[in-house]
PDB file of all heavy atoms in Angstrom:
ATOM      1  N   ILE A   1       4.855 -15.201  -3.539  1.00  0.00           N
ATOM      2  CA  ILE A   1       5.230 -13.948  -2.916  1.00  0.00           C
ATOM      3  C   ILE A   1       4.120 -12.934  -3.250  1.00  0.00           C
ATOM      4  O   ILE A   1       3.711 -12.814  -4.394  1.00  0.00           O
ATOM      5  CB  ILE A   1       6.581 -13.434  -3.446  1.00  0.00           C
ATOM      6  CG1 ILE A   1       7.709 -14.317  -2.923  1.00  0.00           C
ATOM      7  CG2 ILE A   1       6.799 -11.960  -3.053  1.00  0.00           C
ATOM      8  CD1 ILE A   1       9.079 -13.895  -3.408  1.00  0.00           C
ATOM      9  N   ILE A   2       3.649 -12.235  -2.235  1.00  0.00           N
ATOM     10  CA  ILE A   2       2.662 -11.207  -2.470  1.00  0.00           C
ATOM     11  C   ILE A   2       3.198  -9.850  -1.978  1.00  0.00           C
ATOM     12  O   ILE A   2       3.965  -9.785  -1.009  1.00  0.00           O
ATOM     13  CB  ILE A   2       1.292 -11.502  -1.798  1.00  0.00           C
ATOM     14  CG1 ILE A   2       1.435 -11.496  -0.259  1.00  0.00           C
ATOM     15  CG2 ILE A   2       0.721 -12.807  -2.297  1.00  0.00           C
ATOM     16  CD1 ILE A   2       0.095 -11.522   0.467  1.00  0.00           C
ATOM     17  N   LEU A   3       2.829  -8.812  -2.666  1.00  0.00           N
ATOM     18  CA  LEU A   3       3.140  -7.429  -2.248  1.00  0.00           C
ATOM     19  C   LEU A   3       1.815  -6.693  -2.085  1.00  0.00           C
ATOM     20  O   LEU A   3       0.847  -6.961  -2.786  1.00  0.00           O
ATOM     21  CB  LEU A   3       4.001  -6.714  -3.294  1.00  0.00           C
ATOM     22  CG  LEU A   3       5.327  -7.388  -3.661  1.00  0.00           C
ATOM     23  CD1 LEU A   3       6.063  -6.571  -4.715  1.00  0.00           C
ATOM     24  CD2 LEU A   3       6.209  -7.589  -2.446  1.00  0.00           C
ATOM     25  N   LEU A   4       1.795  -5.723  -1.141  1.00  0.00           N
ATOM     26  CA  LEU A   4       0.605  -4.930  -0.888  1.00  0.00           C
ATOM     27  C   LEU A   4       0.946  -3.454  -1.179  1.00  0.00           C
ATOM     28  O   LEU A   4       1.812  -2.885  -0.510  1.00  0.00           O
ATOM     29  CB  LEU A   4       0.119  -5.078   0.526  1.00  0.00           C
ATOM     30  CG  LEU A   4      -0.380  -6.460   0.952  1.00  0.00           C
ATOM     31  CD1 LEU A   4       0.788  -7.357   1.409  1.00  0.00           C
ATOM     32  CD2 LEU A   4      -1.403  -6.355   2.073  1.00  0.00           C
ATOM     33  N   ASN A   5       0.295  -2.874  -2.165  1.00  0.00           N
ATOM     34  CA  ASN A   5       0.544  -1.498  -2.572  1.00  0.00           C
ATOM     35  C   ASN A   5      -0.577  -0.624  -2.026  1.00  0.00           C
ATOM     36  O   ASN A   5      -1.723  -0.695  -2.499  1.00  0.00           O
ATOM     37  CB  ASN A   5       0.638  -1.358  -4.079  1.00  0.00           C
ATOM     38  CG  ASN A   5       0.947   0.043  -4.524  1.00  0.00           C
ATOM     39  OD1 ASN A   5       1.816   0.714  -3.946  1.00  0.00           O
ATOM     40  ND2 ASN A   5       0.257   0.527  -5.535  1.00  0.00           N
ATOM     41  N   LYS A   6      -0.249   0.214  -1.040  1.00  0.00           N
ATOM     42  CA  LYS A   6      -1.293   1.068  -0.436  1.00  0.00           C
ATOM     43  C   LYS A   6      -1.675   2.167  -1.414  1.00  0.00           C
ATOM     44  O   LYS A   6      -0.830   2.823  -2.029  1.00  0.00           O
ATOM     45  CB  LYS A   6      -0.785   1.689   0.862  1.00  0.00           C
ATOM     46  CG  LYS A   6      -1.860   2.367   1.666  1.00  0.00           C
ATOM     47  CD  LYS A   6      -1.394   2.694   3.056  1.00  0.00           C
ATOM     48  CE  LYS A   6      -2.527   3.205   3.907  1.00  0.00           C
ATOM     49  NZ  LYS A   6      -2.086   3.534   5.295  1.00  0.00           N
ATOM     50  N   ILE A   7      -2.996   2.367  -1.560  1.00  0.00           N
ATOM     51  CA  ILE A   7      -3.523   3.330  -2.498  1.00  0.00           C
ATOM     52  C   ILE A   7      -3.893   4.600  -1.748  1.00  0.00           C
ATOM     53  O   ILE A   7      -4.608   4.546  -0.742  1.00  0.00           O
ATOM     54  CB  ILE A   7      -4.740   2.763  -3.227  1.00  0.00           C
ATOM     55  CG1 ILE A   7      -4.359   1.489  -3.971  1.00  0.00           C
ATOM     56  CG2 ILE A   7      -5.306   3.796  -4.190  1.00  0.00           C
ATOM     57  CD1 ILE A   7      -5.537   0.772  -4.602  1.00  0.00           C
ATOM     58  N   PRO A   8      -3.449   5.774  -2.241  1.00  0.00           N
ATOM     59  CA  PRO A   8      -3.821   7.017  -1.579  1.00  0.00           C
ATOM     60  C   PRO A   8      -5.351   7.226  -1.596  1.00  0.00           C
ATOM     61  O   PRO A   8      -5.999   6.860  -2.578  1.00  0.00           O
ATOM     62  CB  PRO A   8      -3.132   8.096  -2.424  1.00  0.00           C
ATOM     63  CG  PRO A   8      -2.077   7.383  -3.160  1.00  0.00           C
ATOM     64  CD  PRO A   8      -2.574   5.989  -3.393  1.00  0.00           C
ATOM     65  N   GLY A   9      -5.874   7.774  -0.545  1.00  0.00           N
ATOM     66  CA  GLY A   9      -7.307   8.032  -0.515  1.00  0.00           C
ATOM     67  C   GLY A   9      -7.852   8.060   0.907  1.00  0.00           C
ATOM     68  O   GLY A   9      -7.072   7.953   1.863  1.00  0.00           O
ATOM     69  N   ASN A  10      -9.145   8.222   1.037  1.00  0.00           N
ATOM     70  CA  ASN A  10      -9.745   8.354   2.366  1.00  0.00           C
ATOM     71  C   ASN A  10      -9.987   7.029   3.064  1.00  0.00           C
ATOM     72  O   ASN A  10     -10.202   6.990   4.264  1.00  0.00           O
ATOM     73  CB  ASN A  10     -11.065   9.095   2.222  1.00  0.00           C
ATOM     74  CG  ASN A  10     -10.877  10.504   1.733  1.00  0.00           C
ATOM     75  OD1 ASN A  10      -9.906  11.157   2.082  1.00  0.00           O
ATOM     76  ND2 ASN A  10     -11.812  11.024   0.933  1.00  0.00           N
ATOM     77  N   GLU A  11      -9.959   5.909   2.319  1.00  0.00           N
ATOM     78  CA  GLU A  11     -10.190   4.636   2.936  1.00  0.00           C
ATOM     79  C   GLU A  11      -8.938   3.769   2.843  1.00  0.00           C
ATOM     80  O   GLU A  11      -8.072   4.006   2.027  1.00  0.00           O
ATOM     81  CB  GLU A  11     -11.372   3.912   2.243  1.00  0.00           C
ATOM     82  CG  GLU A  11     -11.107   3.566   0.800  1.00  0.00           C
ATOM     83  CD  GLU A  11     -12.313   2.938   0.111  1.00  0.00           C
ATOM     84  OE1 GLU A  11     -13.368   2.878   0.712  1.00  0.00           O
ATOM     85  OE2 GLU A  11     -12.185   2.523  -1.053  1.00  0.00           O
ATOM     86  N   GLU A  12      -8.884   2.758   3.695  1.00  0.00           N
ATOM     87  CA  GLU A  12      -7.759   1.839   3.696  1.00  0.00           C
ATOM     88  C   GLU A  12      -7.917   0.888   2.512  1.00  0.00           C
ATOM     89  O   GLU A  12      -8.875   0.114   2.460  1.00  0.00           O
ATOM     90  CB  GLU A  12      -7.745   1.072   5.021  1.00  0.00           C
ATOM     91  CG  GLU A  12      -6.561   0.162   5.195  1.00  0.00           C
ATOM     92  CD  GLU A  12      -5.377   0.837   5.864  1.00  0.00           C
ATOM     93  OE1 GLU A  12      -5.376   2.093   5.926  1.00  0.00           O
ATOM     94  OE2 GLU A  12      -4.469   0.136   6.323  1.00  0.00           O
ATOM     95  N   ALA A  13      -7.008   0.925   1.575  1.00  0.00           N
ATOM     96  CA  ALA A  13      -7.115   0.101   0.389  1.00  0.00           C
ATOM     97  C   ALA A  13      -5.724  -0.303  -0.131  1.00  0.00           C
ATOM     98  O   ALA A  13      -4.798   0.509  -0.080  1.00  0.00           O
ATOM     99  CB  ALA A  13      -7.883   0.835  -0.719  1.00  0.00           C
ATOM    100  N   TYR A  14      -5.611  -1.535  -0.609  1.00  0.00           N
ATOM    101  CA  TYR A  14      -4.358  -2.056  -1.097  1.00  0.00           C
ATOM    102  C   TYR A  14      -4.564  -2.804  -2.419  1.00  0.00           C
ATOM    103  O   TYR A  14      -5.502  -3.593  -2.552  1.00  0.00           O
ATOM    104  CB  TYR A  14      -3.737  -3.033  -0.120  1.00  0.00           C
ATOM    105  CG  TYR A  14      -3.337  -2.445   1.201  1.00  0.00           C
ATOM    106  CD1 TYR A  14      -4.245  -2.371   2.275  1.00  0.00           C
ATOM    107  CD2 TYR A  14      -2.041  -1.936   1.407  1.00  0.00           C
ATOM    108  CE1 TYR A  14      -3.882  -1.838   3.502  1.00  0.00           C
ATOM    109  CE2 TYR A  14      -1.670  -1.394   2.620  1.00  0.00           C
ATOM    110  CZ  TYR A  14      -2.602  -1.338   3.675  1.00  0.00           C
ATOM    111  OH  TYR A  14      -2.241  -0.794   4.871  1.00  0.00           O
ATOM    112  N   GLU A  15      -3.637  -2.586  -3.357  1.00  0.00           N
ATOM    113  CA  GLU A  15      -3.539  -3.453  -4.519  1.00  0.00           C
ATOM    114  C   GLU A  15      -2.711  -4.677  -4.100  1.00  0.00           C
ATOM    115  O   GLU A  15      -1.661  -4.523  -3.483  1.00  0.00           O
ATOM    116  CB  GLU A  15      -2.852  -2.728  -5.668  1.00  0.00           C
ATOM    117  CG  GLU A  15      -3.693  -1.640  -6.296  1.00  0.00           C
ATOM    118  CD  GLU A  15      -2.955  -0.845  -7.347  1.00  0.00           C
ATOM    119  OE1 GLU A  15      -1.696  -0.715  -7.237  1.00  0.00           O
ATOM    120  OE2 GLU A  15      -3.588  -0.314  -8.261  1.00  0.00           O
ATOM    121  N   ILE A  16      -3.203  -5.874  -4.437  1.00  0.00           N
ATOM    122  CA  ILE A  16      -2.512  -7.083  -4.095  1.00  0.00           C
ATOM    123  C   ILE A  16      -1.793  -7.604  -5.348  1.00  0.00           C
ATOM    124  O   ILE A  16      -2.435  -7.974  -6.327  1.00  0.00           O
ATOM    125  CB  ILE A  16      -3.469  -8.171  -3.556  1.00  0.00           C
ATOM    126  CG1 ILE A  16      -4.331  -7.585  -2.426  1.00  0.00           C
ATOM    127  CG2 ILE A  16      -2.692  -9.381  -3.065  1.00  0.00           C
ATOM    128  CD1 ILE A  16      -3.558  -7.006  -1.264  1.00  0.00           C
ATOM    129  N   ILE A  17      -0.469  -7.603  -5.285  1.00  0.00           N
ATOM    130  CA  ILE A  17       0.348  -8.003  -6.438  1.00  0.00           C
ATOM    131  C   ILE A  17       0.773  -9.465  -6.274  1.00  0.00           C
ATOM    132  O   ILE A  17       1.414  -9.835  -5.281  1.00  0.00           O
ATOM    133  CB  ILE A  17       1.591  -7.109  -6.557  1.00  0.00           C
ATOM    134  CG1 ILE A  17       1.153  -5.629  -6.660  1.00  0.00           C
ATOM    135  CG2 ILE A  17       2.441  -7.500  -7.733  1.00  0.00           C
ATOM    136  CD1 ILE A  17       2.030  -4.691  -5.902  1.00  0.00           C
ATOM    137  N   VAL A  18       0.396 -10.280  -7.226  1.00  0.00           N
ATOM    138  CA  VAL A  18       0.690 -11.704  -7.244  1.00  0.00           C
ATOM    139  C   VAL A  18       1.120 -12.077  -8.666  1.00  0.00           C
ATOM    140  O   VAL A  18       0.526 -11.585  -9.641  1.00  0.00           O
ATOM    141  CB  VAL A  18      -0.528 -12.574  -6.855  1.00  0.00           C
ATOM    142  CG1 VAL A  18      -0.105 -14.004  -6.586  1.00  0.00           C
ATOM    143  CG2 VAL A  18      -1.305 -11.996  -5.672  1.00  0.00           C
ATOM    144  N   ASP A  19       2.131 -12.910  -8.820  1.00  0.00           N
ATOM    145  CA  ASP A  19       2.582 -13.343 -10.155  1.00  0.00           C
ATOM    146  C   ASP A  19       2.946 -12.172 -11.041  1.00  0.00           C
ATOM    147  O   ASP A  19       2.801 -12.226 -12.271  1.00  0.00           O
ATOM    148  CB  ASP A  19       1.486 -14.184 -10.842  1.00  0.00           C
ATOM    149  CG  ASP A  19       1.182 -15.479 -10.087  1.00  0.00           C
ATOM    150  OD1 ASP A  19       2.086 -15.993  -9.393  1.00  0.00           O
ATOM    151  OD2 ASP A  19       0.045 -15.968 -10.220  1.00  0.00           O
ATOM    152  N   GLY A  20       3.370 -11.051 -10.426  1.00  0.00           N
ATOM    153  CA  GLY A  20       3.836  -9.920 -11.221  1.00  0.00           C
ATOM    154  C   GLY A  20       2.737  -9.022 -11.756  1.00  0.00           C
ATOM    155  O   GLY A  20       2.976  -8.238 -12.682  1.00  0.00           O
ATOM    156  N   GLU A  21       1.557  -9.115 -11.185  1.00  0.00           N
ATOM    157  CA  GLU A  21       0.458  -8.223 -11.608  1.00  0.00           C
ATOM    158  C   GLU A  21      -0.503  -8.008 -10.471  1.00  0.00           C
ATOM    159  O   GLU A  21      -0.576  -8.788  -9.504  1.00  0.00           O
ATOM    160  CB  GLU A  21      -0.284  -8.812 -12.806  1.00  0.00           C
ATOM    161  CG  GLU A  21      -0.995 -10.129 -12.514  1.00  0.00           C
ATOM    162  CD  GLU A  21      -1.776 -10.666 -13.703  1.00  0.00           C
ATOM    163  OE1 GLU A  21      -2.703  -9.955 -14.140  1.00  0.00           O
ATOM    164  OE2 GLU A  21      -1.445 -11.775 -14.170  1.00  0.00           O
ATOM    165  N   VAL A  22      -1.253  -6.901 -10.550  1.00  0.00           N
ATOM    166  CA  VAL A  22      -2.287  -6.642  -9.548  1.00  0.00           C
ATOM    167  C   VAL A  22      -3.480  -7.537  -9.870  1.00  0.00           C
ATOM    168  O   VAL A  22      -4.075  -7.437 -10.934  1.00  0.00           O
ATOM    169  CB  VAL A  22      -2.730  -5.161  -9.576  1.00  0.00           C
ATOM    170  CG1 VAL A  22      -3.886  -4.939  -8.614  1.00  0.00           C
ATOM    171  CG2 VAL A  22      -1.569  -4.253  -9.215  1.00  0.00           C
ATOM    172  N   LYS A  23      -3.805  -8.436  -8.941  1.00  0.00           N
ATOM    173  CA  LYS A  23      -4.910  -9.360  -9.182  1.00  0.00           C
ATOM    174  C   LYS A  23      -6.140  -9.040  -8.347  1.00  0.00           C
ATOM    175  O   LYS A  23      -7.268  -9.461  -8.711  1.00  0.00           O
ATOM    176  CB  LYS A  23      -4.478 -10.796  -8.901  1.00  0.00           C
ATOM    177  CG  LYS A  23      -3.480 -11.357  -9.924  1.00  0.00           C
ATOM    178  CD  LYS A  23      -3.309 -12.850  -9.777  1.00  0.00           C
ATOM    179  CE  LYS A  23      -2.455 -13.408 -10.906  1.00  0.00           C
ATOM    180  NZ  LYS A  23      -2.249 -14.865 -10.771  1.00  0.00           N
ATOM    181  N   TYR A  24      -5.965  -8.336  -7.261  1.00  0.00           N
ATOM    182  CA  TYR A  24      -7.107  -7.956  -6.408  1.00  0.00           C
ATOM    183  C   TYR A  24      -6.834  -6.578  -5.802  1.00  0.00           C
ATOM    184  O   TYR A  24      -5.685  -6.118  -5.706  1.00  0.00           O
ATOM    185  CB  TYR A  24      -7.288  -8.960  -5.241  1.00  0.00           C
ATOM    186  CG  TYR A  24      -7.256 -10.374  -5.676  1.00  0.00           C
ATOM    187  CD1 TYR A  24      -6.057 -11.147  -5.546  1.00  0.00           C
ATOM    188  CD2 TYR A  24      -8.360 -10.994  -6.212  1.00  0.00           C
ATOM    189  CE1 TYR A  24      -6.018 -12.456  -5.966  1.00  0.00           C
ATOM    190  CE2 TYR A  24      -8.317 -12.319  -6.645  1.00  0.00           C
ATOM    191  CZ  TYR A  24      -7.143 -13.033  -6.512  1.00  0.00           C
ATOM    192  OH  TYR A  24      -7.091 -14.326  -6.934  1.00  0.00           O
ATOM    193  N   LEU A  25      -7.890  -5.946  -5.420  1.00  0.00           N
ATOM    194  CA  LEU A  25      -7.812  -4.754  -4.602  1.00  0.00           C
ATOM    195  C   LEU A  25      -8.683  -4.993  -3.393  1.00  0.00           C
ATOM    196  O   LEU A  25      -9.878  -5.337  -3.544  1.00  0.00           O
ATOM    197  CB  LEU A  25      -8.280  -3.526  -5.383  1.00  0.00           C
ATOM    198  CG  LEU A  25      -8.084  -2.173  -4.680  1.00  0.00           C
ATOM    199  CD1 LEU A  25      -7.904  -1.053  -5.726  1.00  0.00           C
ATOM    200  CD2 LEU A  25      -9.278  -1.791  -3.780  1.00  0.00           C
ATOM    201  N   ILE A  26      -8.112  -4.905  -2.193  1.00  0.00           N
ATOM    202  CA  ILE A  26      -8.913  -5.046  -0.980  1.00  0.00           C
ATOM    203  C   ILE A  26      -9.077  -3.678  -0.348  1.00  0.00           C
ATOM    204  O   ILE A  26      -8.160  -2.865  -0.364  1.00  0.00           O
ATOM    205  CB  ILE A  26      -8.308  -6.055  -0.001  1.00  0.00           C
ATOM    206  CG1 ILE A  26      -6.933  -5.620   0.507  1.00  0.00           C
ATOM    207  CG2 ILE A  26      -8.209  -7.439  -0.630  1.00  0.00           C
ATOM    208  CD1 ILE A  26      -6.421  -6.443   1.676  1.00  0.00           C
ATOM    209  N   TYR A  27     -10.233  -3.437   0.207  1.00  0.00           N
ATOM    210  CA  TYR A  27     -10.492  -2.133   0.849  1.00  0.00           C
ATOM    211  C   TYR A  27     -11.410  -2.337   2.049  1.00  0.00           C
ATOM    212  O   TYR A  27     -12.197  -3.277   2.112  1.00  0.00           O
ATOM    213  CB  TYR A  27     -11.107  -1.141  -0.129  1.00  0.00           C
ATOM    214  CG  TYR A  27     -12.488  -1.525  -0.621  1.00  0.00           C
ATOM    215  CD1 TYR A  27     -13.633  -0.951  -0.034  1.00  0.00           C
ATOM    216  CD2 TYR A  27     -12.651  -2.441  -1.647  1.00  0.00           C
ATOM    217  CE1 TYR A  27     -14.898  -1.303  -0.488  1.00  0.00           C
ATOM    218  CE2 TYR A  27     -13.922  -2.805  -2.088  1.00  0.00           C
ATOM    219  CZ  TYR A  27     -15.035  -2.222  -1.498  1.00  0.00           C
ATOM    220  OH  TYR A  27     -16.306  -2.575  -1.929  1.00  0.00           O
ATOM    221  N   PHE A  28     -11.272  -1.433   3.026  1.00  0.00           N
ATOM    222  CA  PHE A  28     -12.087  -1.540   4.245  1.00  0.00           C
ATOM    223  C   PHE A  28     -13.345  -0.718   4.026  1.00  0.00           C
ATOM    224  O   PHE A  28     -13.285   0.506   3.877  1.00  0.00           O
ATOM    225  CB  PHE A  28     -11.312  -1.036   5.448  1.00  0.00           C
ATOM    226  CG  PHE A  28     -12.052  -1.272   6.746  1.00  0.00           C
ATOM    227  CD1 PHE A  28     -12.116  -2.574   7.273  1.00  0.00           C
ATOM    228  CD2 PHE A  28     -12.666  -0.247   7.431  1.00  0.00           C
ATOM    229  CE1 PHE A  28     -12.781  -2.802   8.467  1.00  0.00           C
ATOM    230  CE2 PHE A  28     -13.332  -0.495   8.611  1.00  0.00           C
ATOM    231  CZ  PHE A  28     -13.418  -1.762   9.136  1.00  0.00           C
ATOM    232  N   ASP A  29     -14.485  -1.400   3.992  1.00  0.00           N
ATOM    233  CA  ASP A  29     -15.782  -0.759   3.838  1.00  0.00           C
ATOM    234  C   ASP A  29     -16.207  -0.218   5.201  1.00  0.00           C
ATOM    235  O   ASP A  29     -16.573  -0.981   6.071  1.00  0.00           O
ATOM    236  CB  ASP A  29     -16.812  -1.774   3.298  1.00  0.00           C
ATOM    237  CG  ASP A  29     -18.131  -1.125   2.943  1.00  0.00           C
ATOM    238  OD1 ASP A  29     -18.585  -0.226   3.678  1.00  0.00           O
ATOM    239  OD2 ASP A  29     -18.733  -1.501   1.920  1.00  0.00           O
ATOM    240  N   GLU A  30     -16.120   1.076   5.368  1.00  0.00           N
ATOM    241  CA  GLU A  30     -16.391   1.667   6.686  1.00  0.00           C
ATOM    242  C   GLU A  30     -17.839   1.545   7.097  1.00  0.00           C
ATOM    243  O   GLU A  30     -18.166   1.459   8.287  1.00  0.00           O
ATOM    244  CB  GLU A  30     -15.946   3.170   6.685  1.00  0.00           C
ATOM    245  CG  GLU A  30     -14.463   3.320   6.498  1.00  0.00           C
ATOM    246  CD  GLU A  30     -14.006   4.766   6.592  1.00  0.00           C
ATOM    247  OE1 GLU A  30     -14.845   5.640   6.959  1.00  0.00           O
ATOM    248  OE2 GLU A  30     -12.829   5.043   6.309  1.00  0.00           O
ATOM    249  N   ASP A  31     -18.739   1.520   6.131  1.00  0.00           N
ATOM    250  CA  ASP A  31     -20.189   1.372   6.461  1.00  0.00           C
ATOM    251  C   ASP A  31     -20.495  -0.026   6.983  1.00  0.00           C
ATOM    252  O   ASP A  31     -21.228  -0.217   7.953  1.00  0.00           O
ATOM    253  CB  ASP A  31     -21.039   1.674   5.247  1.00  0.00           C
ATOM    254  CG  ASP A  31     -20.965   3.149   4.843  1.00  0.00           C
ATOM    255  OD1 ASP A  31     -20.787   4.007   5.735  1.00  0.00           O
ATOM    256  OD2 ASP A  31     -21.077   3.443   3.637  1.00  0.00           O
ATOM    257  N   LYS A  32     -19.910  -1.043   6.300  1.00  0.00           N
ATOM    258  CA  LYS A  32     -20.179  -2.430   6.708  1.00  0.00           C
ATOM    259  C   LYS A  32     -19.169  -2.933   7.727  1.00  0.00           C
ATOM    260  O   LYS A  32     -19.318  -4.029   8.253  1.00  0.00           O
ATOM    261  CB  LYS A  32     -20.168  -3.341   5.462  1.00  0.00           C
ATOM    262  CG  LYS A  32     -21.274  -3.046   4.487  1.00  0.00           C
ATOM    263  CD  LYS A  32     -21.246  -3.978   3.300  1.00  0.00           C
ATOM    264  CE  LYS A  32     -22.401  -3.692   2.346  1.00  0.00           C
ATOM    265  NZ  LYS A  32     -22.393  -4.620   1.171  1.00  0.00           N
ATOM    266  N   GLU A  33     -18.112  -2.139   7.967  1.00  0.00           N
ATOM    267  CA  GLU A  33     -17.059  -2.478   8.906  1.00  0.00           C
ATOM    268  C   GLU A  33     -16.448  -3.847   8.581  1.00  0.00           C
ATOM    269  O   GLU A  33     -16.258  -4.704   9.448  1.00  0.00           O
ATOM    270  CB  GLU A  33     -17.570  -2.444  10.376  1.00  0.00           C
ATOM    271  CG  GLU A  33     -17.977  -1.066  10.852  1.00  0.00           C
ATOM    272  CD  GLU A  33     -18.299  -1.012  12.329  1.00  0.00           C
ATOM    273  OE1 GLU A  33     -18.331  -2.099  12.980  1.00  0.00           O
ATOM    274  OE2 GLU A  33     -18.541   0.084  12.829  1.00  0.00           O
ATOM    275  N   LYS A  34     -16.135  -4.039   7.336  1.00  0.00           N
ATOM    276  CA  LYS A  34     -15.500  -5.286   6.897  1.00  0.00           C
ATOM    277  C   LYS A  34     -14.672  -5.021   5.637  1.00  0.00           C
ATOM    278  O   LYS A  34     -14.864  -4.025   4.941  1.00  0.00           O
ATOM    279  CB  LYS A  34     -16.542  -6.378   6.611  1.00  0.00           C
ATOM    280  CG  LYS A  34     -17.481  -6.063   5.449  1.00  0.00           C
ATOM    281  CD  LYS A  34     -18.446  -7.215   5.190  1.00  0.00           C
ATOM    282  CE  LYS A  34     -17.782  -8.435   4.706  1.00  0.00           C
ATOM    283  NZ  LYS A  34     -18.712  -9.489   4.242  1.00  0.00           N
TER     284      LYS A  34
END
């Protein structure tokens, strides 16, 4: 089971919660568009 916690800020970013802890943070790099 994964949960996505949206982080306040100017860019789209989420903490990815797995196994009861934040293991990754994904964010949209606007310069690289990825």
